[in-house]
């Protein structure tokens, strides 16, 4: 007898009923089974987060009460472990960069097709940070988006992983990191592997090469 798939809990926060319906279809294409909760204002979203945990939050930036990116920050603080994907009609570079900086795990333009949105959500659920590829592929001003992408990846690190990364950048070997953090060396190795995977680098050397940029971003995420 096959075991039942766990029911995923999805919060859809958008003040437009038709678009909430579209996002239900997007989430339905991603999850085998899911339960939807809907909010049309930041206050409703906060109340729902106070009552239960969610596996995914789909958030419109221009919903009532958002006050710029303040609403995103409030939801991120209430649900620090839950992926929050901004779904917005705003496609400006500055908005995309700021959303990632303030804690979004991805930024999906509403101009994407339903299939493209579903693929973007899948990337986020796999631990990636989704940014619109057409903007990333442009040569002009892409550095700021790359910085935002790095900052978002660092934001996914746990506190312990961030400490390990700081020590890697300082050139400390695993044995020293284990001693200073009072951890087993095998645990440190697991943290190092997780850090490299989340930062999309394949070696400690690559992490150290980017030490200046990484150090700045670490200080931005105490």
N, C-alpha and C. Protein backbone atom coordinates (compact mmCIF):
# COMPACT_ATOMS: atom_id res chain seq x y z
N UNK A 1 0.84 -1.20 0.00
CA UNK A 1 0.00 0.00 0.00
C UNK A 1 0.87 1.24 0.00
N UNK A 2 0.63 2.15 -0.95
CA UNK A 2 1.45 3.34 -1.08
C UNK A 2 1.09 4.33 0.02
N UNK A 3 2.14 4.97 0.59
CA UNK A 3 1.90 5.98 1.63
C UNK A 3 1.43 7.27 0.97
N UNK A 4 0.60 8.00 1.68
CA UNK A 4 0.08 9.24 1.14
C UNK A 4 1.17 10.31 1.13
N UNK A 5 1.17 11.14 0.09
CA UNK A 5 2.10 12.25 0.02
C UNK A 5 1.70 13.30 1.06
N UNK A 6 2.71 13.92 1.73
CA UNK A 6 2.37 14.96 2.70
C UNK A 6 1.70 16.14 2.03
N UNK A 7 0.78 16.76 2.76
CA UNK A 7 0.06 17.92 2.23
C UNK A 7 0.89 19.17 2.44
N UNK A 8 1.20 19.88 1.36
CA UNK A 8 1.99 21.11 1.45
C UNK A 8 1.06 22.30 1.72
N UNK A 9 1.54 23.21 2.54
CA UNK A 9 0.77 24.38 2.94
C UNK A 9 1.30 25.60 2.20
N UNK A 10 0.47 26.26 1.41
CA UNK A 10 0.91 27.38 0.58
C UNK A 10 0.08 28.62 0.92
N UNK A 11 0.79 29.72 1.19
CA UNK A 11 0.13 31.01 1.44
C UNK A 11 0.25 31.87 0.18
N UNK A 12 -0.89 32.29 -0.34
CA UNK A 12 -0.93 33.17 -1.51
C UNK A 12 -1.41 34.54 -1.05
N UNK A 13 -0.54 35.52 -1.15
CA UNK A 13 -0.85 36.87 -0.67
C UNK A 13 -0.86 37.84 -1.84
N UNK A 14 -2.06 38.14 -2.31
CA UNK A 14 -2.25 39.02 -3.47
C UNK A 14 -3.65 39.60 -3.36
N UNK A 15 -3.81 40.88 -3.66
CA UNK A 15 -5.13 41.50 -3.48
C UNK A 15 -6.03 41.33 -4.70
N UNK A 16 -5.53 40.68 -5.74
CA UNK A 16 -6.34 40.50 -6.95
C UNK A 16 -6.87 39.07 -7.00
N UNK A 17 -8.19 38.87 -6.90
CA UNK A 17 -8.76 37.51 -6.87
C UNK A 17 -8.38 36.66 -8.08
N UNK A 18 -8.37 37.25 -9.27
CA UNK A 18 -8.05 36.49 -10.46
C UNK A 18 -6.60 36.01 -10.43
N UNK A 19 -5.72 36.85 -9.90
CA UNK A 19 -4.33 36.42 -9.87
C UNK A 19 -4.10 35.41 -8.75
N UNK A 20 -4.85 35.50 -7.67
CA UNK A 20 -4.75 34.46 -6.64
C UNK A 20 -5.14 33.11 -7.23
N UNK A 21 -6.16 33.11 -8.08
CA UNK A 21 -6.57 31.87 -8.74
C UNK A 21 -5.45 31.35 -9.65
N UNK A 22 -4.80 32.27 -10.37
CA UNK A 22 -3.69 31.86 -11.25
C UNK A 22 -2.55 31.26 -10.43
N UNK A 23 -2.26 31.85 -9.27
CA UNK A 23 -1.18 31.34 -8.43
C UNK A 23 -1.55 30.00 -7.79
N UNK A 24 -2.83 29.78 -7.53
CA UNK A 24 -3.25 28.46 -7.06
C UNK A 24 -2.93 27.40 -8.11
N UNK A 25 -3.16 27.74 -9.37
CA UNK A 25 -2.87 26.79 -10.45
C UNK A 25 -1.37 26.57 -10.59
N UNK A 26 -0.57 27.62 -10.38
CA UNK A 26 0.89 27.48 -10.42
C UNK A 26 1.35 26.54 -9.31
N UNK A 27 0.90 26.80 -8.09
CA UNK A 27 1.30 25.95 -6.95
C UNK A 27 0.78 24.53 -7.13
N UNK A 28 -0.42 24.40 -7.69
CA UNK A 28 -0.99 23.07 -7.93
C UNK A 28 -0.17 22.26 -8.91
N UNK A 29 0.52 22.95 -9.82
CA UNK A 29 1.37 22.25 -10.79
C UNK A 29 2.69 21.83 -10.17
N UNK A 30 3.07 22.47 -9.05
CA UNK A 30 4.35 22.19 -8.41
C UNK A 30 4.23 21.09 -7.36
N UNK A 31 3.18 21.17 -6.54
CA UNK A 31 3.00 20.22 -5.44
C UNK A 31 2.02 19.11 -5.84
N UNK A 32 2.30 17.90 -5.39
CA UNK A 32 1.38 16.79 -5.63
C UNK A 32 0.05 17.04 -4.92
N UNK A 33 0.14 17.49 -3.66
CA UNK A 33 -1.05 17.82 -2.90
C UNK A 33 -0.74 19.08 -2.09
N UNK A 34 -1.65 20.01 -2.12
CA UNK A 34 -1.41 21.22 -1.34
C UNK A 34 -2.71 21.85 -0.85
N UNK A 35 -2.57 22.58 0.22
CA UNK A 35 -3.67 23.32 0.83
C UNK A 35 -3.34 24.80 0.70
N UNK A 36 -4.32 25.58 0.27
CA UNK A 36 -4.08 27.01 0.05
C UNK A 36 -4.71 27.85 1.15
N UNK A 37 -3.97 28.87 1.58
CA UNK A 37 -4.53 29.93 2.40
C UNK A 37 -4.30 31.22 1.62
N UNK A 38 -5.29 32.11 1.64
CA UNK A 38 -5.19 33.33 0.84
C UNK A 38 -5.30 34.56 1.71
N UNK A 39 -4.54 35.59 1.31
CA UNK A 39 -4.59 36.88 2.00
C UNK A 39 -4.62 37.98 0.95
N UNK A 40 -5.41 39.01 1.22
CA UNK A 40 -5.49 40.13 0.28
C UNK A 40 -4.86 41.39 0.87
N UNK A 41 -4.23 41.27 2.04
CA UNK A 41 -3.54 42.40 2.65
C UNK A 41 -2.41 41.85 3.51
N UNK A 42 -1.45 42.69 3.85
CA UNK A 42 -0.34 42.25 4.68
C UNK A 42 -0.82 41.85 6.06
N UNK A 43 -1.86 42.52 6.56
CA UNK A 43 -2.39 42.18 7.89
C UNK A 43 -2.96 40.77 7.91
N UNK A 44 -3.68 40.40 6.85
CA UNK A 44 -4.23 39.05 6.77
C UNK A 44 -3.11 38.01 6.68
N UNK A 45 -2.08 38.32 5.91
CA UNK A 45 -0.96 37.39 5.76
C UNK A 45 -0.26 37.18 7.10
N UNK A 46 -0.06 38.26 7.85
CA UNK A 46 0.59 38.16 9.16
C UNK A 46 -0.24 37.30 10.11
N UNK A 47 -1.55 37.51 10.08
CA UNK A 47 -2.43 36.75 10.97
C UNK A 47 -2.36 35.25 10.65
N UNK A 48 -2.32 34.91 9.37
CA UNK A 48 -2.22 33.51 8.99
C UNK A 48 -0.89 32.90 9.43
N UNK A 49 0.19 33.68 9.31
CA UNK A 49 1.51 33.18 9.72
C UNK A 49 1.60 33.02 11.23
N UNK A 50 0.82 33.79 11.96
CA UNK A 50 0.81 33.64 13.42
C UNK A 50 0.13 32.35 13.84
N UNK A 51 -0.76 31.84 12.97
CA UNK A 51 -1.56 30.66 13.32
C UNK A 51 -0.97 29.35 12.85
N UNK A 52 -0.20 29.37 11.75
CA UNK A 52 0.30 28.11 11.21
C UNK A 52 1.56 28.30 10.39
N UNK A 53 2.21 27.17 10.07
CA UNK A 53 3.44 27.17 9.28
C UNK A 53 3.12 26.90 7.81
N UNK A 54 3.96 27.44 6.93
CA UNK A 54 3.76 27.26 5.50
C UNK A 54 5.03 26.72 4.85
N UNK A 55 4.85 26.00 3.74
CA UNK A 55 5.97 25.49 2.96
C UNK A 55 6.42 26.48 1.90
N UNK A 56 5.53 27.41 1.56
CA UNK A 56 5.83 28.39 0.51
C UNK A 56 4.91 29.59 0.67
N UNK A 57 5.46 30.79 0.43
CA UNK A 57 4.67 32.01 0.42
C UNK A 57 4.86 32.68 -0.93
N UNK A 58 3.76 32.96 -1.62
CA UNK A 58 3.78 33.71 -2.88
C UNK A 58 3.21 35.09 -2.58
N UNK A 59 4.01 36.12 -2.82
CA UNK A 59 3.69 37.46 -2.30
C UNK A 59 3.72 38.52 -3.39
N UNK A 60 2.64 39.32 -3.45
CA UNK A 60 2.57 40.47 -4.34
C UNK A 60 3.14 41.69 -3.62
N UNK A 61 4.03 42.42 -4.28
CA UNK A 61 4.67 43.57 -3.65
C UNK A 61 3.73 44.75 -3.42
N UNK A 62 2.67 44.84 -4.21
CA UNK A 62 1.81 46.03 -4.16
C UNK A 62 0.47 45.77 -3.48
N UNK A 63 0.44 44.77 -2.64
CA UNK A 63 -0.75 44.46 -1.87
C UNK A 63 -0.95 45.55 -0.79
N UNK A 64 -2.20 45.84 -0.40
CA UNK A 64 -2.45 46.84 0.64
C UNK A 64 -1.67 46.54 1.92
N UNK A 65 -1.04 47.60 2.45
CA UNK A 65 -0.29 47.48 3.69
C UNK A 65 1.16 47.11 3.51
N UNK A 66 1.60 46.87 2.28
CA UNK A 66 2.98 46.43 2.07
C UNK A 66 3.99 47.52 2.41
N UNK A 67 3.66 48.78 2.10
CA UNK A 67 4.55 49.91 2.42
C UNK A 67 5.96 49.66 1.89
N UNK A 68 6.04 49.56 0.57
CA UNK A 68 7.33 49.26 -0.05
C UNK A 68 7.74 47.82 0.25
N UNK A 69 8.94 47.67 0.81
CA UNK A 69 9.43 46.33 1.14
C UNK A 69 9.26 45.99 2.62
N UNK A 70 8.60 46.89 3.35
CA UNK A 70 8.40 46.66 4.78
C UNK A 70 7.60 45.39 5.02
N UNK A 71 6.56 45.17 4.22
CA UNK A 71 5.74 43.98 4.38
C UNK A 71 6.53 42.70 4.16
N UNK A 72 7.41 42.72 3.16
CA UNK A 72 8.26 41.55 2.91
C UNK A 72 9.15 41.26 4.11
N UNK A 73 9.74 42.31 4.68
CA UNK A 73 10.61 42.13 5.85
C UNK A 73 9.81 41.58 7.03
N UNK A 74 8.60 42.07 7.22
CA UNK A 74 7.76 41.59 8.33
C UNK A 74 7.44 40.10 8.18
N UNK A 75 7.10 39.70 6.96
CA UNK A 75 6.80 38.28 6.74
C UNK A 75 8.05 37.43 6.88
N UNK A 76 9.18 37.93 6.40
CA UNK A 76 10.43 37.18 6.53
C UNK A 76 10.77 36.97 8.01
N UNK A 77 10.56 38.00 8.83
CA UNK A 77 10.84 37.87 10.26
C UNK A 77 9.90 36.88 10.94
N UNK A 78 8.65 36.83 10.48
CA UNK A 78 7.68 35.91 11.07
C UNK A 78 7.92 34.47 10.64
N UNK A 79 8.45 34.29 9.43
CA UNK A 79 8.66 32.94 8.89
C UNK A 79 10.06 32.84 8.28
N UNK A 80 11.10 32.85 9.13
CA UNK A 80 12.47 32.91 8.62
C UNK A 80 12.89 31.71 7.79
N UNK A 81 12.25 30.56 8.00
CA UNK A 81 12.66 29.35 7.28
C UNK A 81 11.81 29.06 6.05
N UNK A 82 10.79 29.86 5.81
CA UNK A 82 9.87 29.60 4.70
C UNK A 82 10.29 30.38 3.46
N UNK A 83 10.39 29.73 2.30
CA UNK A 83 10.71 30.47 1.07
C UNK A 83 9.60 31.47 0.74
N UNK A 84 9.98 32.71 0.53
CA UNK A 84 9.03 33.74 0.10
C UNK A 84 9.39 34.13 -1.33
N UNK A 85 8.46 33.92 -2.24
CA UNK A 85 8.69 34.27 -3.64
C UNK A 85 7.82 35.48 -3.98
N UNK A 86 8.47 36.56 -4.37
CA UNK A 86 7.74 37.75 -4.80
C UNK A 86 7.23 37.52 -6.22
N UNK A 87 5.94 37.77 -6.43
CA UNK A 87 5.34 37.66 -7.76
C UNK A 87 4.74 39.03 -8.05
N UNK A 88 5.34 39.75 -9.01
CA UNK A 88 4.99 41.16 -9.17
C UNK A 88 4.95 41.58 -10.63
N UNK A 89 4.12 42.59 -10.91
CA UNK A 89 4.09 43.17 -12.25
C UNK A 89 5.26 44.13 -12.44
N UNK A 90 5.90 44.53 -11.36
CA UNK A 90 7.06 45.42 -11.42
C UNK A 90 8.29 44.64 -11.88
N UNK A 91 8.92 45.10 -12.97
CA UNK A 91 10.06 44.37 -13.52
C UNK A 91 11.33 45.19 -13.52
N UNK A 92 11.35 46.29 -12.76
CA UNK A 92 12.55 47.12 -12.70
C UNK A 92 13.68 46.43 -11.95
N UNK A 93 14.90 46.68 -12.38
CA UNK A 93 16.07 46.06 -11.76
C UNK A 93 16.15 46.38 -10.27
N UNK A 94 15.88 47.64 -9.93
CA UNK A 94 16.02 48.05 -8.53
C UNK A 94 15.05 47.28 -7.64
N UNK A 95 13.81 47.10 -8.11
CA UNK A 95 12.83 46.35 -7.31
C UNK A 95 13.26 44.91 -7.13
N UNK A 96 13.77 44.30 -8.20
CA UNK A 96 14.21 42.91 -8.12
C UNK A 96 15.36 42.77 -7.12
N UNK A 97 16.34 43.67 -7.24
CA UNK A 97 17.49 43.60 -6.35
C UNK A 97 17.08 43.81 -4.89
N UNK A 98 16.22 44.80 -4.65
CA UNK A 98 15.83 45.08 -3.27
C UNK A 98 15.01 43.94 -2.67
N UNK A 99 14.16 43.32 -3.48
CA UNK A 99 13.36 42.20 -2.96
C UNK A 99 14.27 41.07 -2.48
N UNK A 100 15.30 40.76 -3.25
CA UNK A 100 16.24 39.71 -2.84
C UNK A 100 17.01 40.15 -1.60
N UNK A 101 17.44 41.40 -1.59
CA UNK A 101 18.18 41.92 -0.44
C UNK A 101 17.36 41.83 0.84
N UNK A 102 16.06 42.08 0.73
CA UNK A 102 15.21 42.07 1.92
C UNK A 102 14.66 40.69 2.27
N UNK A 103 15.14 39.66 1.60
CA UNK A 103 14.82 38.31 2.07
C UNK A 103 14.00 37.43 1.17
N UNK A 104 13.62 37.91 -0.03
CA UNK A 104 12.87 37.04 -0.94
C UNK A 104 13.78 35.93 -1.47
N UNK A 105 13.21 34.75 -1.68
CA UNK A 105 13.97 33.62 -2.23
C UNK A 105 13.89 33.58 -3.75
N UNK A 106 13.09 34.46 -4.31
CA UNK A 106 12.96 34.52 -5.75
C UNK A 106 12.08 35.69 -6.14
N UNK A 107 12.16 36.08 -7.41
CA UNK A 107 11.37 37.20 -7.93
C UNK A 107 10.80 36.79 -9.27
N UNK A 108 9.48 36.61 -9.32
CA UNK A 108 8.82 36.14 -10.54
C UNK A 108 7.96 37.26 -11.14
N UNK A 109 8.28 37.74 -12.33
CA UNK A 109 7.43 38.74 -12.99
C UNK A 109 6.08 38.13 -13.35
N UNK A 110 5.02 38.90 -13.22
CA UNK A 110 3.70 38.40 -13.57
C UNK A 110 3.52 38.21 -15.07
N UNK A 111 4.49 38.70 -15.84
CA UNK A 111 4.41 38.53 -17.29
C UNK A 111 4.81 37.13 -17.74
N UNK A 112 5.38 36.32 -16.83
CA UNK A 112 5.77 34.96 -17.20
C UNK A 112 4.54 34.09 -17.42
N UNK A 113 4.71 33.04 -18.21
CA UNK A 113 3.63 32.08 -18.40
C UNK A 113 3.47 31.25 -17.12
N UNK A 114 2.34 30.56 -17.02
CA UNK A 114 2.10 29.72 -15.85
C UNK A 114 3.17 28.64 -15.72
N UNK A 115 3.58 28.07 -16.84
CA UNK A 115 4.61 27.03 -16.81
C UNK A 115 5.95 27.60 -16.34
N UNK A 116 6.30 28.80 -16.82
CA UNK A 116 7.55 29.43 -16.41
C UNK A 116 7.52 29.74 -14.90
N UNK A 117 6.37 30.19 -14.43
CA UNK A 117 6.24 30.46 -12.99
C UNK A 117 6.42 29.19 -12.18
N UNK A 118 5.80 28.11 -12.62
CA UNK A 118 5.91 26.84 -11.90
C UNK A 118 7.36 26.37 -11.86
N UNK A 119 8.07 26.51 -12.98
CA UNK A 119 9.48 26.12 -13.02
C UNK A 119 10.32 26.99 -12.07
N UNK A 120 9.97 28.28 -11.99
CA UNK A 120 10.69 29.18 -11.08
C UNK A 120 10.46 28.76 -9.63
N UNK A 121 9.24 28.42 -9.29
CA UNK A 121 8.93 27.97 -7.92
C UNK A 121 9.68 26.69 -7.61
N UNK A 122 9.75 25.79 -8.56
CA UNK A 122 10.50 24.53 -8.34
C UNK A 122 11.96 24.83 -8.02
N UNK A 123 12.55 25.78 -8.74
CA UNK A 123 13.95 26.14 -8.48
C UNK A 123 14.12 26.61 -7.04
N UNK A 124 13.19 27.44 -6.58
CA UNK A 124 13.27 27.96 -5.21
C UNK A 124 13.15 26.83 -4.20
N UNK A 125 12.22 25.92 -4.43
CA UNK A 125 12.01 24.81 -3.50
C UNK A 125 13.21 23.85 -3.47
N UNK A 126 14.04 23.89 -4.52
CA UNK A 126 15.24 23.07 -4.56
C UNK A 126 16.43 23.80 -3.93
N UNK A 127 16.18 24.98 -3.36
CA UNK A 127 17.23 25.73 -2.68
C UNK A 127 17.91 26.79 -3.51
N UNK A 128 17.42 27.00 -4.73
CA UNK A 128 18.00 28.03 -5.59
C UNK A 128 17.36 29.39 -5.28
N UNK A 129 17.97 30.43 -5.81
CA UNK A 129 17.38 31.77 -5.75
C UNK A 129 16.97 32.12 -7.17
N UNK A 130 15.68 32.31 -7.41
CA UNK A 130 15.22 32.55 -8.77
C UNK A 130 15.21 34.05 -9.08
N UNK A 131 15.89 34.42 -10.16
CA UNK A 131 15.84 35.77 -10.70
C UNK A 131 15.49 35.66 -12.18
N UNK A 132 14.79 36.65 -12.74
CA UNK A 132 14.39 36.57 -14.16
C UNK A 132 15.61 36.45 -15.06
N UNK A 133 15.68 35.36 -15.82
CA UNK A 133 16.86 35.08 -16.61
C UNK A 133 17.12 36.13 -17.69
N UNK A 134 16.07 36.70 -18.24
CA UNK A 134 16.29 37.69 -19.30
C UNK A 134 17.03 38.91 -18.76
N UNK A 135 16.79 39.25 -17.50
CA UNK A 135 17.50 40.38 -16.90
C UNK A 135 18.94 39.98 -16.55
N UNK A 136 19.11 38.77 -16.05
CA UNK A 136 20.45 38.31 -15.70
C UNK A 136 21.35 38.20 -16.92
N UNK A 137 20.75 37.88 -18.08
CA UNK A 137 21.54 37.68 -19.29
C UNK A 137 21.94 38.98 -19.96
N UNK A 138 21.36 40.09 -19.56
CA UNK A 138 21.72 41.37 -20.16
C UNK A 138 23.10 41.79 -19.68
N UNK A 139 23.84 42.41 -20.57
CA UNK A 139 25.19 42.82 -20.21
C UNK A 139 25.24 44.08 -19.39
N UNK A 140 24.22 44.94 -19.50
CA UNK A 140 24.29 46.24 -18.84
C UNK A 140 23.80 46.14 -17.40
N UNK A 141 24.65 46.52 -16.49
CA UNK A 141 24.26 46.60 -15.09
C UNK A 141 23.99 45.28 -14.43
N UNK A 142 24.50 44.18 -14.98
CA UNK A 142 24.17 42.89 -14.39
C UNK A 142 24.89 42.65 -13.08
N UNK A 143 25.95 43.46 -12.82
CA UNK A 143 26.71 43.27 -11.59
C UNK A 143 25.85 43.40 -10.36
N UNK A 144 24.93 44.37 -10.37
CA UNK A 144 24.11 44.57 -9.19
C UNK A 144 23.21 43.37 -8.94
N UNK A 145 22.71 42.76 -10.02
CA UNK A 145 21.88 41.57 -9.86
C UNK A 145 22.71 40.39 -9.38
N UNK A 146 23.95 40.29 -9.86
CA UNK A 146 24.81 39.22 -9.40
C UNK A 146 25.11 39.39 -7.91
N UNK A 147 25.31 40.64 -7.48
CA UNK A 147 25.53 40.90 -6.06
C UNK A 147 24.30 40.51 -5.26
N UNK A 148 23.13 40.85 -5.78
CA UNK A 148 21.89 40.50 -5.08
C UNK A 148 21.74 38.98 -5.01
N UNK A 149 22.15 38.30 -6.07
CA UNK A 149 22.07 36.84 -6.09
C UNK A 149 22.98 36.24 -5.02
N UNK A 150 24.21 36.76 -4.91
CA UNK A 150 25.14 36.28 -3.90
C UNK A 150 24.60 36.57 -2.50
N UNK A 151 24.07 37.76 -2.31
CA UNK A 151 23.53 38.12 -1.00
C UNK A 151 22.37 37.20 -0.63
N UNK A 152 21.55 36.87 -1.60
CA UNK A 152 20.41 35.98 -1.32
C UNK A 152 20.90 34.58 -0.95
N UNK A 153 21.95 34.11 -1.62
CA UNK A 153 22.47 32.79 -1.29
C UNK A 153 23.05 32.76 0.12
N UNK A 154 23.75 33.82 0.49
CA UNK A 154 24.31 33.90 1.84
C UNK A 154 23.19 33.94 2.87
N UNK A 155 22.09 34.59 2.52
CA UNK A 155 20.96 34.68 3.46
C UNK A 155 20.35 33.31 3.74
N UNK A 156 20.61 32.33 2.86
CA UNK A 156 20.06 30.98 3.09
C UNK A 156 20.93 30.17 4.05
N UNK A 157 22.12 30.67 4.38
CA UNK A 157 23.00 29.94 5.29
C UNK A 157 22.47 30.00 6.71
N UNK A 158 22.64 28.93 7.44
CA UNK A 158 22.31 28.95 8.86
C UNK A 158 23.38 29.74 9.60
N UNK A 159 23.11 30.08 10.86
CA UNK A 159 24.09 30.81 11.64
C UNK A 159 25.41 30.08 11.74
N UNK A 160 25.36 28.77 11.95
CA UNK A 160 26.58 27.98 12.07
C UNK A 160 27.33 27.93 10.75
N UNK A 161 26.59 27.80 9.64
CA UNK A 161 27.23 27.78 8.33
C UNK A 161 27.89 29.11 8.02
N UNK A 162 27.28 30.21 8.47
CA UNK A 162 27.87 31.53 8.24
C UNK A 162 29.19 31.67 9.01
N UNK A 163 29.22 31.15 10.24
CA UNK A 163 30.46 31.19 11.02
C UNK A 163 31.56 30.38 10.33
N UNK A 164 31.18 29.20 9.81
CA UNK A 164 32.15 28.36 9.10
C UNK A 164 32.67 29.09 7.87
N UNK A 165 31.79 29.76 7.13
CA UNK A 165 32.21 30.50 5.94
C UNK A 165 33.20 31.60 6.31
N UNK A 166 32.90 32.32 7.39
CA UNK A 166 33.80 33.39 7.82
C UNK A 166 35.20 32.83 8.10
N UNK A 167 35.26 31.65 8.71
CA UNK A 167 36.55 31.05 9.03
C UNK A 167 37.25 30.52 7.79
N UNK A 168 36.48 30.03 6.81
CA UNK A 168 37.08 29.62 5.54
C UNK A 168 37.76 30.81 4.88
N UNK A 169 37.06 31.93 4.87
CA UNK A 169 37.60 33.14 4.26
C UNK A 169 38.88 33.58 4.98
N UNK A 170 38.95 33.32 6.29
CA UNK A 170 40.15 33.66 7.07
C UNK A 170 41.27 32.65 6.86
N UNK A 171 40.99 31.57 6.10
CA UNK A 171 42.02 30.59 5.78
C UNK A 171 42.21 29.49 6.81
N UNK A 172 41.25 29.33 7.71
CA UNK A 172 41.40 28.32 8.76
C UNK A 172 41.00 26.94 8.24
N UNK A 173 41.78 25.90 8.58
CA UNK A 173 41.44 24.53 8.16
C UNK A 173 40.31 23.97 9.01
N UNK A 174 39.77 22.85 8.54
CA UNK A 174 38.63 22.25 9.25
C UNK A 174 38.93 21.92 10.70
N UNK A 175 40.14 21.44 10.97
CA UNK A 175 40.49 21.05 12.33
C UNK A 175 40.43 22.25 13.28
N UNK A 176 40.91 23.39 12.82
CA UNK A 176 40.88 24.61 13.64
C UNK A 176 39.45 25.11 13.80
N UNK A 177 38.68 25.07 12.72
CA UNK A 177 37.28 25.49 12.79
C UNK A 177 36.53 24.63 13.79
N UNK A 178 36.77 23.32 13.74
CA UNK A 178 36.11 22.39 14.67
C UNK A 178 36.46 22.73 16.11
N UNK A 179 37.73 23.02 16.37
CA UNK A 179 38.18 23.34 17.73
C UNK A 179 37.54 24.64 18.22
N UNK A 180 37.56 25.67 17.37
CA UNK A 180 37.07 26.98 17.80
C UNK A 180 35.55 27.01 17.97
N UNK A 181 34.84 26.20 17.19
CA UNK A 181 33.38 26.17 17.29
C UNK A 181 32.89 25.02 18.18
N UNK A 182 33.85 24.25 18.70
CA UNK A 182 33.52 23.12 19.57
C UNK A 182 32.60 22.13 18.84
N UNK A 183 33.02 21.74 17.63
CA UNK A 183 32.24 20.81 16.81
C UNK A 183 33.13 19.63 16.42
N UNK A 184 32.51 18.53 16.06
CA UNK A 184 33.25 17.40 15.50
C UNK A 184 33.73 17.80 14.10
N UNK A 185 34.90 17.31 13.72
CA UNK A 185 35.44 17.68 12.40
C UNK A 185 34.51 17.20 11.28
N UNK A 186 33.85 16.07 11.49
CA UNK A 186 32.91 15.59 10.48
C UNK A 186 31.74 16.55 10.30
N UNK A 187 31.32 17.19 11.39
CA UNK A 187 30.24 18.17 11.32
C UNK A 187 30.68 19.39 10.54
N UNK A 188 31.93 19.81 10.78
CA UNK A 188 32.47 20.96 10.04
C UNK A 188 32.52 20.65 8.54
N UNK A 189 32.97 19.42 8.21
CA UNK A 189 33.02 19.04 6.79
C UNK A 189 31.64 19.10 6.15
N UNK A 190 30.61 18.67 6.90
CA UNK A 190 29.24 18.73 6.38
C UNK A 190 28.82 20.18 6.17
N UNK A 191 29.17 21.06 7.13
CA UNK A 191 28.84 22.49 6.99
C UNK A 191 29.56 23.09 5.77
N UNK A 192 30.84 22.74 5.59
CA UNK A 192 31.60 23.28 4.46
C UNK A 192 30.95 22.86 3.14
N UNK A 193 30.56 21.59 3.05
CA UNK A 193 29.91 21.10 1.83
C UNK A 193 28.62 21.87 1.55
N UNK A 194 27.84 22.10 2.62
CA UNK A 194 26.58 22.83 2.47
C UNK A 194 26.82 24.27 2.04
N UNK A 195 27.84 24.90 2.62
CA UNK A 195 28.17 26.29 2.27
C UNK A 195 28.56 26.39 0.80
N UNK A 196 29.46 25.52 0.35
CA UNK A 196 29.91 25.58 -1.04
C UNK A 196 28.75 25.33 -2.00
N UNK A 197 27.87 24.38 -1.62
CA UNK A 197 26.72 24.09 -2.48
C UNK A 197 25.79 25.30 -2.58
N UNK A 198 25.51 25.93 -1.44
CA UNK A 198 24.59 27.07 -1.44
C UNK A 198 25.17 28.28 -2.16
N UNK A 199 26.49 28.43 -2.12
CA UNK A 199 27.12 29.57 -2.80
C UNK A 199 27.44 29.28 -4.26
N UNK A 200 27.15 28.04 -4.69
CA UNK A 200 27.41 27.63 -6.08
C UNK A 200 28.89 27.73 -6.44
N UNK A 201 29.74 27.31 -5.51
CA UNK A 201 31.17 27.17 -5.80
C UNK A 201 31.53 25.72 -5.49
N UNK A 202 32.65 25.27 -6.06
CA UNK A 202 32.99 23.86 -5.92
C UNK A 202 34.20 23.61 -5.03
N UNK A 203 34.85 24.68 -4.56
CA UNK A 203 36.01 24.49 -3.70
C UNK A 203 36.15 25.64 -2.72
N UNK A 204 36.92 25.39 -1.65
CA UNK A 204 37.22 26.44 -0.68
C UNK A 204 37.98 27.58 -1.37
N UNK A 205 38.83 27.22 -2.33
CA UNK A 205 39.63 28.24 -3.03
C UNK A 205 38.73 29.24 -3.73
N UNK A 206 37.67 28.74 -4.38
CA UNK A 206 36.76 29.64 -5.07
C UNK A 206 36.07 30.59 -4.07
N UNK A 207 35.76 30.05 -2.89
CA UNK A 207 35.15 30.90 -1.87
C UNK A 207 36.12 31.99 -1.42
N UNK A 208 37.38 31.61 -1.25
CA UNK A 208 38.39 32.57 -0.78
C UNK A 208 38.69 33.62 -1.85
N UNK A 209 38.67 33.20 -3.13
CA UNK A 209 38.90 34.14 -4.23
C UNK A 209 37.91 35.30 -4.16
N UNK A 210 36.68 34.96 -3.74
CA UNK A 210 35.63 35.98 -3.62
C UNK A 210 35.55 36.54 -2.20
N UNK A 211 36.64 36.42 -1.46
CA UNK A 211 36.62 36.77 -0.03
C UNK A 211 36.14 38.19 0.22
N UNK A 212 36.61 39.13 -0.57
CA UNK A 212 36.23 40.52 -0.33
C UNK A 212 34.73 40.72 -0.44
N UNK A 213 34.15 40.22 -1.52
CA UNK A 213 32.71 40.38 -1.73
C UNK A 213 31.93 39.60 -0.68
N UNK A 214 32.36 38.36 -0.39
CA UNK A 214 31.67 37.55 0.59
C UNK A 214 31.71 38.19 1.97
N UNK A 215 32.86 38.75 2.36
CA UNK A 215 32.99 39.38 3.68
C UNK A 215 32.02 40.55 3.81
N UNK A 216 31.90 41.34 2.75
CA UNK A 216 30.96 42.47 2.79
C UNK A 216 29.54 41.99 2.97
N UNK A 217 29.16 40.93 2.26
CA UNK A 217 27.81 40.43 2.36
C UNK A 217 27.54 39.78 3.73
N UNK A 218 28.58 39.13 4.29
CA UNK A 218 28.40 38.54 5.61
C UNK A 218 28.14 39.60 6.65
N UNK A 219 28.83 40.72 6.53
CA UNK A 219 28.61 41.80 7.50
C UNK A 219 27.23 42.40 7.32
N UNK A 220 26.68 42.30 6.11
CA UNK A 220 25.35 42.84 5.86
C UNK A 220 24.26 41.92 6.42
N UNK A 221 24.64 40.65 6.77
CA UNK A 221 23.69 39.69 7.32
C UNK A 221 24.22 39.17 8.65
N UNK A 222 24.19 40.00 9.71
CA UNK A 222 24.73 39.57 11.00
C UNK A 222 23.95 38.39 11.56
